[in-house]
């Protein structure tokens, strides 16, 4: 096959792939067990005390337990080797998990909002001290779980998501504690459903970002943090390159990015050292770990990709 049609797989030293994320399986397991127990406790006392804020927070925490389960399962699947059918392995399962988490949160928002508006129309007695004690336990559990994910939040978007979920939950529980004290001091029953509504808004705000990002990744959009124009400019400036076409950048998973491109180099194939250097540059400065380049001596006829 002529050099104008050969595909060169350019990988940085060591394979040119993004480094595997640290194993947070133990953190996921502990977080799931603690938060599941707290969801049961919070929902039970929310029902007994008549606190919609506690029930809303329990619903939020339940969605986060499911999010942790999905993220954990996806992270395990992503480590499975490629097969003849799934040639990329199961890396994209992390994207599906993010999309599923967004859907679960939307369901939780609808259910909590419905009950909250009913409670605002017909306020019910609330035990403020129960709210304070139970939500205080939630602060400790959520903050402790967040600390377990703190170490990896800069390098793995899944771990970062778990950290942010738990940190946000700790803040929401703090809001419930404040609401409980306010009810004890004033006796105003409207405070409980209003706090519940604020929790719904907080969940919705985070859900919108998660939904937007996961849909974009599902549609193979250029990942955040990667500049298509920057990559194109770098490749165009390479010695011997006169033209670039069919440049594609897409997420293989929530942590790994792939690139394919055709480089027109009339002077001929530059050699493997050139390809390794380009791959290393793309990985270290553009966060792209899987690079495939095709070298062409002349511009191919314009086709459907033009």
C-alpha atoms as a PDB file:
ATOM      1  CA  UNK A   1       0.000   0.000   0.000  1.00  0.00           C
ATOM      2  CA  UNK A   2       1.402   3.407  -0.907  1.00  0.00           C
ATOM      3  CA  UNK A   3       2.555   5.716   1.819  1.00  0.00           C
ATOM      4  CA  UNK A   4      -0.162   8.167   0.910  1.00  0.00           C
ATOM      5  CA  UNK A   5      -2.748   5.715   2.200  1.00  0.00           C
ATOM      6  CA  UNK A   6      -1.019   4.099   5.168  1.00  0.00           C
ATOM      7  CA  UNK A   7      -2.151   4.804   8.702  1.00  0.00           C
ATOM      8  CA  UNK A   8       0.548   5.503  11.265  1.00  0.00           C
ATOM      9  CA  UNK A   9      -0.437   4.986  14.890  1.00  0.00           C
ATOM     10  CA  UNK A  10       1.564   7.531  16.800  1.00  0.00           C
ATOM     11  CA  UNK A  11       1.981   6.786  20.483  1.00  0.00           C
ATOM     12  CA  UNK A  12       4.091   8.523  23.035  1.00  0.00           C
ATOM     13  CA  UNK A  13       6.718   6.520  24.955  1.00  0.00           C
ATOM     14  CA  UNK A  14       5.101   4.008  27.218  1.00  0.00           C
ATOM     15  CA  UNK A  15       2.204   3.582  24.844  1.00  0.00           C
ATOM     16  CA  UNK A  16       1.184   7.209  24.509  1.00  0.00           C
ATOM     17  CA  UNK A  17      -2.006   6.597  26.437  1.00  0.00           C
ATOM     18  CA  UNK A  18      -3.342   8.528  29.366  1.00  0.00           C
ATOM     19  CA  UNK A  19      -2.101   7.102  32.640  1.00  0.00           C
ATOM     20  CA  UNK A  20      -4.581   4.821  34.360  1.00  0.00           C
ATOM     21  CA  UNK A  21      -6.386   6.564  37.198  1.00  0.00           C
ATOM     22  CA  UNK A  22      -5.710   5.547  40.752  1.00  0.00           C
ATOM     23  CA  UNK A  23      -7.862   2.748  42.112  1.00  0.00           C
ATOM     24  CA  UNK A  24     -10.551   4.299  44.308  1.00  0.00           C
ATOM     25  CA  UNK A  25     -12.552   1.081  44.677  1.00  0.00           C
ATOM     26  CA  UNK A  26     -12.172   1.093  48.471  1.00  0.00           C
ATOM     27  CA  UNK A  27     -13.267   4.741  48.683  1.00  0.00           C
ATOM     28  CA  UNK A  28     -16.299   4.026  46.483  1.00  0.00           C
ATOM     29  CA  UNK A  29     -17.274   1.023  48.626  1.00  0.00           C
ATOM     30  CA  UNK A  30     -16.960   2.898  51.934  1.00  0.00           C
ATOM     31  CA  UNK A  31     -18.807   5.894  50.527  1.00  0.00           C
ATOM     32  CA  UNK A  32     -21.652   3.744  49.228  1.00  0.00           C
ATOM     33  CA  UNK A  33     -22.071   1.868  52.532  1.00  0.00           C
ATOM     34  CA  UNK A  34     -21.988   5.013  54.688  1.00  0.00           C
ATOM     35  CA  UNK A  35     -24.308   7.014  52.471  1.00  0.00           C
ATOM     36  CA  UNK A  36     -26.796   4.158  52.031  1.00  0.00           C
ATOM     37  CA  UNK A  37     -27.075   3.834  55.787  1.00  0.00           C
ATOM     38  CA  UNK A  38     -27.507   7.580  56.144  1.00  0.00           C
ATOM     39  CA  UNK A  39     -30.207   7.715  53.437  1.00  0.00           C
ATOM     40  CA  UNK A  40     -32.256   5.165  55.375  1.00  0.00           C
ATOM     41  CA  UNK A  41     -31.709   7.052  58.648  1.00  0.00           C
ATOM     42  CA  UNK A  42     -32.487  10.463  57.145  1.00  0.00           C
ATOM     43  CA  UNK A  43     -35.585   9.355  55.240  1.00  0.00           C
ATOM     44  CA  UNK A  44     -36.949   7.564  58.325  1.00  0.00           C
ATOM     45  CA  UNK A  45     -36.489  10.518  60.662  1.00  0.00           C
ATOM     46  CA  UNK A  46     -37.615  12.935  57.973  1.00  0.00           C
ATOM     47  CA  UNK A  47     -40.898  11.039  57.761  1.00  0.00           C
ATOM     48  CA  UNK A  48     -41.264  10.722  61.549  1.00  0.00           C
ATOM     49  CA  UNK A  49     -40.420  14.380  62.202  1.00  0.00           C
ATOM     50  CA  UNK A  50     -42.459  15.707  59.294  1.00  0.00           C
ATOM     51  CA  UNK A  51     -39.422  17.445  57.777  1.00  0.00           C
ATOM     52  CA  UNK A  52     -39.633  17.777  54.004  1.00  0.00           C
ATOM     53  CA  UNK A  53     -36.130  19.261  54.037  1.00  0.00           C
ATOM     54  CA  UNK A  54     -34.766  16.017  55.506  1.00  0.00           C
ATOM     55  CA  UNK A  55     -36.715  13.930  52.996  1.00  0.00           C
ATOM     56  CA  UNK A  56     -35.467  16.122  50.138  1.00  0.00           C
ATOM     57  CA  UNK A  57     -31.891  15.769  51.375  1.00  0.00           C
ATOM     58  CA  UNK A  58     -32.387  11.991  51.687  1.00  0.00           C
ATOM     59  CA  UNK A  59     -33.558  11.903  48.061  1.00  0.00           C
ATOM     60  CA  UNK A  60     -30.497  13.862  47.050  1.00  0.00           C
ATOM     61  CA  UNK A  61     -28.229  11.493  48.956  1.00  0.00           C
ATOM     62  CA  UNK A  62     -29.967   8.476  47.411  1.00  0.00           C
ATOM     63  CA  UNK A  63     -29.265   9.829  43.945  1.00  0.00           C
ATOM     64  CA  UNK A  64     -25.635  10.258  44.962  1.00  0.00           C
ATOM     65  CA  UNK A  65     -25.455   6.654  46.192  1.00  0.00           C
ATOM     66  CA  UNK A  66     -26.703   5.532  42.785  1.00  0.00           C
ATOM     67  CA  UNK A  67     -24.199   7.912  41.170  1.00  0.00           C
ATOM     68  CA  UNK A  68     -21.369   6.355  43.188  1.00  0.00           C
ATOM     69  CA  UNK A  69     -22.544   2.867  42.195  1.00  0.00           C
ATOM     70  CA  UNK A  70     -22.669   3.785  38.511  1.00  0.00           C
ATOM     71  CA  UNK A  71     -19.313   5.573  38.613  1.00  0.00           C
ATOM     72  CA  UNK A  72     -17.717   2.649  40.439  1.00  0.00           C
ATOM     73  CA  UNK A  73     -19.177   0.107  38.017  1.00  0.00           C
ATOM     74  CA  UNK A  74     -18.087   2.189  35.033  1.00  0.00           C
ATOM     75  CA  UNK A  75     -14.567   2.603  36.394  1.00  0.00           C
ATOM     76  CA  UNK A  76     -14.292  -1.175  36.794  1.00  0.00           C
ATOM     77  CA  UNK A  77     -15.657  -1.789  33.292  1.00  0.00           C
ATOM     78  CA  UNK A  78     -13.288   0.798  31.813  1.00  0.00           C
ATOM     79  CA  UNK A  79     -10.320  -1.260  32.994  1.00  0.00           C
ATOM     80  CA  UNK A  80     -11.422  -4.382  31.151  1.00  0.00           C
ATOM     81  CA  UNK A  81      -9.268  -5.220  28.111  1.00  0.00           C
ATOM     82  CA  UNK A  82     -10.373  -4.615  24.556  1.00  0.00           C
ATOM     83  CA  UNK A  83     -12.009  -7.434  22.601  1.00  0.00           C
ATOM     84  CA  UNK A  84     -12.435  -8.205  18.914  1.00  0.00           C
ATOM     85  CA  UNK A  85     -15.892  -6.624  19.108  1.00  0.00           C
ATOM     86  CA  UNK A  86     -15.234  -3.814  21.568  1.00  0.00           C
ATOM     87  CA  UNK A  87     -11.875  -2.710  20.220  1.00  0.00           C
ATOM     88  CA  UNK A  88     -11.694   0.263  22.595  1.00  0.00           C
ATOM     89  CA  UNK A  89     -12.694  -1.906  25.530  1.00  0.00           C
ATOM     90  CA  UNK A  90     -15.449  -0.511  27.733  1.00  0.00           C
ATOM     91  CA  UNK A  91     -13.975   2.919  28.350  1.00  0.00           C
ATOM     92  CA  UNK A  92     -17.087   4.713  27.096  1.00  0.00           C
ATOM     93  CA  UNK A  93     -19.118   3.156  29.923  1.00  0.00           C
ATOM     94  CA  UNK A  94     -17.932   6.061  32.073  1.00  0.00           C
ATOM     95  CA  UNK A  95     -19.753   8.449  29.710  1.00  0.00           C
ATOM     96  CA  UNK A  96     -22.911   6.331  29.850  1.00  0.00           C
ATOM     97  CA  UNK A  97     -22.701   6.347  33.653  1.00  0.00           C
ATOM     98  CA  UNK A  98     -22.547  10.151  33.703  1.00  0.00           C
ATOM     99  CA  UNK A  99     -25.588  10.339  31.398  1.00  0.00           C
ATOM    100  CA  UNK A 100     -27.515   7.846  33.558  1.00  0.00           C
ATOM    101  CA  UNK A 101     -26.636   9.820  36.701  1.00  0.00           C
ATOM    102  CA  UNK A 102     -28.077  12.973  35.154  1.00  0.00           C
ATOM    103  CA  UNK A 103     -31.304  11.096  34.397  1.00  0.00           C
ATOM    104  CA  UNK A 104     -31.569   9.796  37.956  1.00  0.00           C
ATOM    105  CA  UNK A 105     -31.101  13.285  39.328  1.00  0.00           C
ATOM    106  CA  UNK A 106     -33.876  14.635  37.092  1.00  0.00           C
ATOM    107  CA  UNK A 107     -36.271  12.011  38.486  1.00  0.00           C
ATOM    108  CA  UNK A 108     -35.268  12.902  42.054  1.00  0.00           C
ATOM    109  CA  UNK A 109     -35.787  16.609  41.370  1.00  0.00           C
ATOM    110  CA  UNK A 110     -39.310  16.024  40.046  1.00  0.00           C
ATOM    111  CA  UNK A 111     -40.373  13.857  42.972  1.00  0.00           C
ATOM    112  CA  UNK A 112     -38.960  16.182  45.637  1.00  0.00           C
ATOM    113  CA  UNK A 113     -40.341  19.336  43.991  1.00  0.00           C
ATOM    114  CA  UNK A 114     -43.824  17.815  43.755  1.00  0.00           C
ATOM    115  CA  UNK A 115     -43.951  16.972  47.442  1.00  0.00           C
ATOM    116  CA  UNK A 116     -42.364  20.292  48.416  1.00  0.00           C
ATOM    117  CA  UNK A 117     -45.059  22.356  46.664  1.00  0.00           C
ATOM    118  CA  UNK A 118     -47.737  20.253  48.365  1.00  0.00           C
ATOM    119  CA  UNK A 119     -46.109  20.937  51.725  1.00  0.00           C
ATOM    120  CA  UNK A 120     -45.924  24.675  51.007  1.00  0.00           C
ATOM    121  CA  UNK A 121     -49.668  24.681  50.320  1.00  0.00           C
ATOM    122  CA  UNK A 122     -50.365  22.779  53.543  1.00  0.00           C
ATOM    123  CA  UNK A 123     -47.574  23.347  56.120  1.00  0.00           C
ATOM    124  CA  UNK A 124     -47.159  20.562  58.662  1.00  0.00           C
ATOM    125  CA  UNK A 125     -45.574  20.505  62.141  1.00  0.00           C
ATOM    126  CA  UNK A 126     -41.809  19.904  62.064  1.00  0.00           C
ATOM    127  CA  UNK A 127     -39.430  18.713  64.787  1.00  0.00           C
ATOM    128  CA  UNK A 128     -36.567  21.175  64.451  1.00  0.00           C
ATOM    129  CA  UNK A 129     -34.163  19.376  66.810  1.00  0.00           C
ATOM    130  CA  UNK A 130     -34.505  16.133  64.850  1.00  0.00           C
ATOM    131  CA  UNK A 131     -33.603  18.055  61.688  1.00  0.00           C
ATOM    132  CA  UNK A 132     -30.506  19.458  63.384  1.00  0.00           C
ATOM    133  CA  UNK A 133     -29.246  16.129  64.754  1.00  0.00           C
ATOM    134  CA  UNK A 134     -29.855  14.031  61.628  1.00  0.00           C
ATOM    135  CA  UNK A 135     -28.491  16.646  59.224  1.00  0.00           C
ATOM    136  CA  UNK A 136     -25.476  17.078  61.520  1.00  0.00           C
ATOM    137  CA  UNK A 137     -24.701  13.375  61.065  1.00  0.00           C
ATOM    138  CA  UNK A 138     -25.018  13.952  57.325  1.00  0.00           C
ATOM    139  CA  UNK A 139     -22.393  16.690  57.420  1.00  0.00           C
ATOM    140  CA  UNK A 140     -19.912  14.318  59.072  1.00  0.00           C
ATOM    141  CA  UNK A 141     -20.586  11.424  56.663  1.00  0.00           C
ATOM    142  CA  UNK A 142     -20.580  13.499  53.476  1.00  0.00           C
ATOM    143  CA  UNK A 143     -17.509  15.518  54.449  1.00  0.00           C
ATOM    144  CA  UNK A 144     -15.652  12.335  55.397  1.00  0.00           C
ATOM    145  CA  UNK A 145     -16.547  10.706  52.088  1.00  0.00           C
ATOM    146  CA  UNK A 146     -15.449  13.815  50.172  1.00  0.00           C
ATOM    147  CA  UNK A 147     -12.041  13.687  51.871  1.00  0.00           C
ATOM    148  CA  UNK A 148     -11.509  10.136  50.554  1.00  0.00           C
ATOM    149  CA  UNK A 149     -11.858  11.415  46.981  1.00  0.00           C
ATOM    150  CA  UNK A 150      -9.866  14.597  47.483  1.00  0.00           C
ATOM    151  CA  UNK A 151      -6.541  13.073  46.429  1.00  0.00           C
ATOM    152  CA  UNK A 152      -7.658  12.099  42.932  1.00  0.00           C
ATOM    153  CA  UNK A 153      -9.985  14.957  42.051  1.00  0.00           C
ATOM    154  CA  UNK A 154      -7.372  16.760  39.928  1.00  0.00           C
ATOM    155  CA  UNK A 155      -6.639  13.818  37.637  1.00  0.00           C
ATOM    156  CA  UNK A 156      -9.877  11.871  37.175  1.00  0.00           C
ATOM    157  CA  UNK A 157     -13.173  13.511  36.271  1.00  0.00           C
ATOM    158  CA  UNK A 158     -15.140  10.616  37.800  1.00  0.00           C
ATOM    159  CA  UNK A 159     -13.332  10.985  41.114  1.00  0.00           C
ATOM    160  CA  UNK A 160     -13.730  14.762  40.880  1.00  0.00           C
ATOM    161  CA  UNK A 161     -17.462  14.283  40.342  1.00  0.00           C
ATOM    162  CA  UNK A 162     -17.708  12.039  43.415  1.00  0.00           C
ATOM    163  CA  UNK A 163     -15.769  14.597  45.469  1.00  0.00           C
ATOM    164  CA  UNK A 164     -17.998  17.480  44.360  1.00  0.00           C
ATOM    165  CA  UNK A 165     -21.186  15.473  44.986  1.00  0.00           C
ATOM    166  CA  UNK A 166     -20.148  14.646  48.547  1.00  0.00           C
ATOM    167  CA  UNK A 167     -18.863  18.153  49.285  1.00  0.00           C
ATOM    168  CA  UNK A 168     -22.134  19.645  47.990  1.00  0.00           C
ATOM    169  CA  UNK A 169     -24.120  17.187  50.119  1.00  0.00           C
ATOM    170  CA  UNK A 170     -22.238  18.336  53.197  1.00  0.00           C
ATOM    171  CA  UNK A 171     -23.205  21.931  52.403  1.00  0.00           C
ATOM    172  CA  UNK A 172     -26.840  20.968  51.808  1.00  0.00           C
ATOM    173  CA  UNK A 173     -26.931  19.158  55.161  1.00  0.00           C
ATOM    174  CA  UNK A 174     -25.518  22.309  56.734  1.00  0.00           C
ATOM    175  CA  UNK A 175     -28.448  24.201  55.254  1.00  0.00           C
ATOM    176  CA  UNK A 176     -30.877  21.747  56.867  1.00  0.00           C
ATOM    177  CA  UNK A 177     -29.154  22.244  60.232  1.00  0.00           C
ATOM    178  CA  UNK A 178     -29.558  26.001  59.915  1.00  0.00           C
ATOM    179  CA  UNK A 179     -33.227  25.537  58.960  1.00  0.00           C
ATOM    180  CA  UNK A 180     -33.777  23.332  62.023  1.00  0.00           C
ATOM    181  CA  UNK A 181     -32.330  25.964  64.352  1.00  0.00           C
ATOM    182  CA  UNK A 182     -34.419  28.653  62.628  1.00  0.00           C
ATOM    183  CA  UNK A 183     -37.607  26.629  63.193  1.00  0.00           C
ATOM    184  CA  UNK A 184     -36.692  26.067  66.863  1.00  0.00           C
ATOM    185  CA  UNK A 185     -36.133  29.785  67.367  1.00  0.00           C
ATOM    186  CA  UNK A 186     -39.099  31.159  65.380  1.00  0.00           C
ATOM    187  CA  UNK A 187     -41.611  28.309  65.073  1.00  0.00           C
ATOM    188  CA  UNK A 188     -42.154  29.279  61.411  1.00  0.00           C
ATOM    189  CA  UNK A 189     -43.270  26.124  59.573  1.00  0.00           C
ATOM    190  CA  UNK A 190     -42.709  27.636  56.119  1.00  0.00           C
ATOM    191  CA  UNK A 191     -38.945  27.478  56.650  1.00  0.00           C
ATOM    192  CA  UNK A 192     -38.867  23.693  56.097  1.00  0.00           C
ATOM    193  CA  UNK A 193     -40.440  23.562  52.602  1.00  0.00           C
ATOM    194  CA  UNK A 194     -38.508  26.672  51.551  1.00  0.00           C
ATOM    195  CA  UNK A 195     -35.217  24.991  52.487  1.00  0.00           C
ATOM    196  CA  UNK A 196     -36.411  21.896  50.622  1.00  0.00           C
ATOM    197  CA  UNK A 197     -37.011  24.060  47.562  1.00  0.00           C
ATOM    198  CA  UNK A 198     -33.521  25.544  47.857  1.00  0.00           C
ATOM    199  CA  UNK A 199     -32.111  22.003  47.942  1.00  0.00           C
ATOM    200  CA  UNK A 200     -34.034  21.209  44.754  1.00  0.00           C
ATOM    201  CA  UNK A 201     -32.504  24.280  43.080  1.00  0.00           C
ATOM    202  CA  UNK A 202     -29.000  23.212  44.189  1.00  0.00           C
ATOM    203  CA  UNK A 203     -29.544  19.712  42.777  1.00  0.00           C
ATOM    204  CA  UNK A 204     -30.960  21.123  39.540  1.00  0.00           C
ATOM    205  CA  UNK A 205     -27.984  23.437  39.115  1.00  0.00           C
ATOM    206  CA  UNK A 206     -25.509  20.572  39.432  1.00  0.00           C
ATOM    207  CA  UNK A 207     -27.660  18.286  37.292  1.00  0.00           C
ATOM    208  CA  UNK A 208     -27.746  20.752  34.401  1.00  0.00           C
ATOM    209  CA  UNK A 209     -23.952  20.836  34.251  1.00  0.00           C
ATOM    210  CA  UNK A 210     -23.696  17.059  34.474  1.00  0.00           C
ATOM    211  CA  UNK A 211     -26.413  16.532  31.847  1.00  0.00           C
ATOM    212  CA  UNK A 212     -24.860  19.061  29.461  1.00  0.00           C
ATOM    213  CA  UNK A 213     -21.363  17.592  29.769  1.00  0.00           C
ATOM    214  CA  UNK A 214     -22.495  13.966  29.466  1.00  0.00           C
ATOM    215  CA  UNK A 215     -24.655  14.673  26.398  1.00  0.00           C
ATOM    216  CA  UNK A 216     -21.771  16.522  24.741  1.00  0.00           C
ATOM    217  CA  UNK A 217     -19.421  13.610  25.423  1.00  0.00           C
ATOM    218  CA  UNK A 218     -22.021  11.147  24.120  1.00  0.00           C
ATOM    219  CA  UNK A 219     -22.100  13.164  20.884  1.00  0.00           C
ATOM    220  CA  UNK A 220     -18.278  12.936  20.699  1.00  0.00           C
ATOM    221  CA  UNK A 221     -17.725  16.659  21.195  1.00  0.00           C
ATOM    222  CA  UNK A 222     -14.167  17.871  21.727  1.00  0.00           C
ATOM    223  CA  UNK A 223     -13.619  17.423  25.486  1.00  0.00           C
ATOM    224  CA  UNK A 224     -13.391  20.432  27.754  1.00  0.00           C
ATOM    225  CA  UNK A 225      -9.792  21.394  28.333  1.00  0.00           C
ATOM    226  CA  UNK A 226      -8.795  20.500  24.773  1.00  0.00           C
ATOM    227  CA  UNK A 227      -8.585  23.313  22.211  1.00  0.00           C
ATOM    228  CA  UNK A 228      -9.364  22.174  18.668  1.00  0.00           C
ATOM    229  CA  UNK A 229      -7.873  25.364  17.266  1.00  0.00           C
ATOM    230  CA  UNK A 230      -4.779  24.946  19.422  1.00  0.00           C
ATOM    231  CA  UNK A 231      -4.253  21.371  18.236  1.00  0.00           C
ATOM    232  CA  UNK A 232      -4.872  22.353  14.614  1.00  0.00           C
ATOM    233  CA  UNK A 233      -2.400  25.226  14.913  1.00  0.00           C
ATOM    234  CA  UNK A 234       0.251  22.936  16.417  1.00  0.00           C
ATOM    235  CA  UNK A 235      -0.124  20.312  13.683  1.00  0.00           C
ATOM    236  CA  UNK A 236      -0.182  22.948  10.917  1.00  0.00           C
ATOM    237  CA  UNK A 237       3.062  24.406  12.225  1.00  0.00           C
ATOM    238  CA  UNK A 238       4.976  21.132  12.047  1.00  0.00           C
ATOM    239  CA  UNK A 239       7.894  21.159   9.653  1.00  0.00           C
ATOM    240  CA  UNK A 240       6.929  19.697   6.280  1.00  0.00           C
ATOM    241  CA  UNK A 241       3.159  19.894   6.835  1.00  0.00           C
ATOM    242  CA  UNK A 242       1.370  21.906   4.133  1.00  0.00           C
ATOM    243  CA  UNK A 243      -2.210  20.964   4.951  1.00  0.00           C
ATOM    244  CA  UNK A 244      -4.380  19.220   7.539  1.00  0.00           C
ATOM    245  CA  UNK A 245      -7.738  17.570   6.953  1.00  0.00           C
ATOM    246  CA  UNK A 246     -10.084  15.091   8.617  1.00  0.00           C
ATOM    247  CA  UNK A 247      -9.029  16.251  12.078  1.00  0.00           C
ATOM    248  CA  UNK A 248     -11.211  14.587  14.708  1.00  0.00           C
ATOM    249  CA  UNK A 249     -10.896  14.844  18.495  1.00  0.00           C
ATOM    250  CA  UNK A 250     -13.283  12.921  20.731  1.00  0.00           C
ATOM    251  CA  UNK A 251     -13.594  11.456  24.238  1.00  0.00           C
ATOM    252  CA  UNK A 252     -12.946   7.721  24.563  1.00  0.00           C
ATOM    253  CA  UNK A 253     -14.042   7.952  28.182  1.00  0.00           C
ATOM    254  CA  UNK A 254     -14.414  10.641  30.820  1.00  0.00           C
ATOM    255  CA  UNK A 255     -10.609  10.582  31.276  1.00  0.00           C
ATOM    256  CA  UNK A 256      -9.140   9.689  27.877  1.00  0.00           C
ATOM    257  CA  UNK A 257      -9.146  11.556  24.570  1.00  0.00           C
ATOM    258  CA  UNK A 258      -8.382  10.326  21.064  1.00  0.00           C
ATOM    259  CA  UNK A 259      -7.350  12.107  17.865  1.00  0.00           C
ATOM    260  CA  UNK A 260      -7.096  11.202  14.196  1.00  0.00           C
ATOM    261  CA  UNK A 261      -5.802  13.494  11.463  1.00  0.00           C
ATOM    262  CA  UNK A 262      -4.441  13.458   7.913  1.00  0.00           C
ATOM    263  CA  UNK A 263      -1.246  15.456   7.405  1.00  0.00           C
ATOM    264  CA  UNK A 264      -0.256  16.402   3.857  1.00  0.00           C
ATOM    265  CA  UNK A 265       3.558  16.281   3.658  1.00  0.00           C
ATOM    266  CA  UNK A 266       4.818  16.521   0.041  1.00  0.00           C
ATOM    267  CA  UNK A 267       8.376  15.851   1.177  1.00  0.00           C
ATOM    268  CA  UNK A 268       7.491  12.310   2.167  1.00  0.00           C
ATOM    269  CA  UNK A 269       7.046  10.295   5.333  1.00  0.00           C
ATOM    270  CA  UNK A 270       9.069  11.920   8.160  1.00  0.00           C
ATOM    271  CA  UNK A 271       9.695   8.670  10.056  1.00  0.00           C
ATOM    272  CA  UNK A 272       8.677   7.088  13.333  1.00  0.00           C
ATOM    273  CA  UNK A 273      10.651   9.552  15.469  1.00  0.00           C
ATOM    274  CA  UNK A 274       8.491  12.389  14.125  1.00  0.00           C
ATOM    275  CA  UNK A 275       5.311  10.506  14.991  1.00  0.00           C
ATOM    276  CA  UNK A 276       6.493   9.728  18.525  1.00  0.00           C
ATOM    277  CA  UNK A 277       7.426  13.374  19.096  1.00  0.00           C
ATOM    278  CA  UNK A 278       4.018  14.595  17.888  1.00  0.00           C
ATOM    279  CA  UNK A 279       2.186  12.067  20.073  1.00  0.00           C
ATOM    280  CA  UNK A 280       4.210  13.047  23.135  1.00  0.00           C
ATOM    281  CA  UNK A 281       3.528  16.744  22.521  1.00  0.00           C
ATOM    282  CA  UNK A 282      -0.219  16.125  22.113  1.00  0.00           C
ATOM    283  CA  UNK A 283      -0.332  14.101  25.314  1.00  0.00           C
ATOM    284  CA  UNK A 284       1.693  16.429  27.503  1.00  0.00           C
ATOM    285  CA  UNK A 285       0.428  19.777  26.265  1.00  0.00           C
ATOM    286  CA  UNK A 286      -3.023  19.039  24.812  1.00  0.00           C
ATOM    287  CA  UNK A 287      -4.203  16.138  27.044  1.00  0.00           C
ATOM    288  CA  UNK A 288      -4.668  13.756  24.097  1.00  0.00           C
ATOM    289  CA  UNK A 289      -3.389  10.256  24.874  1.00  0.00           C
ATOM    290  CA  UNK A 290      -4.446   8.300  21.759  1.00  0.00           C
ATOM    291  CA  UNK A 291      -3.155   9.739  18.491  1.00  0.00           C
ATOM    292  CA  UNK A 292      -3.473   8.275  14.996  1.00  0.00           C
ATOM    293  CA  UNK A 293      -1.929  10.171  12.072  1.00  0.00           C
ATOM    294  CA  UNK A 294      -2.089   9.445   8.361  1.00  0.00           C
ATOM    295  CA  UNK A 295       0.702  10.932   6.267  1.00  0.00           C
ATOM    296  CA  UNK A 296      -0.140  11.873   2.679  1.00  0.00           C
ATOM    297  CA  UNK A 297       2.158  13.235  -0.003  1.00  0.00           C
ATOM    298  CA  UNK A 298      -0.722  14.842  -1.914  1.00  0.00           C
ATOM    299  CA  UNK A 299      -4.194  16.025  -0.953  1.00  0.00           C
ATOM    300  CA  UNK A 300      -6.739  13.253  -1.421  1.00  0.00           C
ATOM    301  CA  UNK A 301      -9.815  13.924  -3.610  1.00  0.00           C
ATOM    302  CA  UNK A 302     -12.567  15.652  -1.691  1.00  0.00           C
ATOM    303  CA  UNK A 303     -15.056  13.153  -0.267  1.00  0.00           C
ATOM    304  CA  UNK A 304     -17.768  13.063   2.343  1.00  0.00           C
ATOM    305  CA  UNK A 305     -15.335  14.091   5.100  1.00  0.00           C
ATOM    306  CA  UNK A 306     -14.284  17.329   3.365  1.00  0.00           C
END
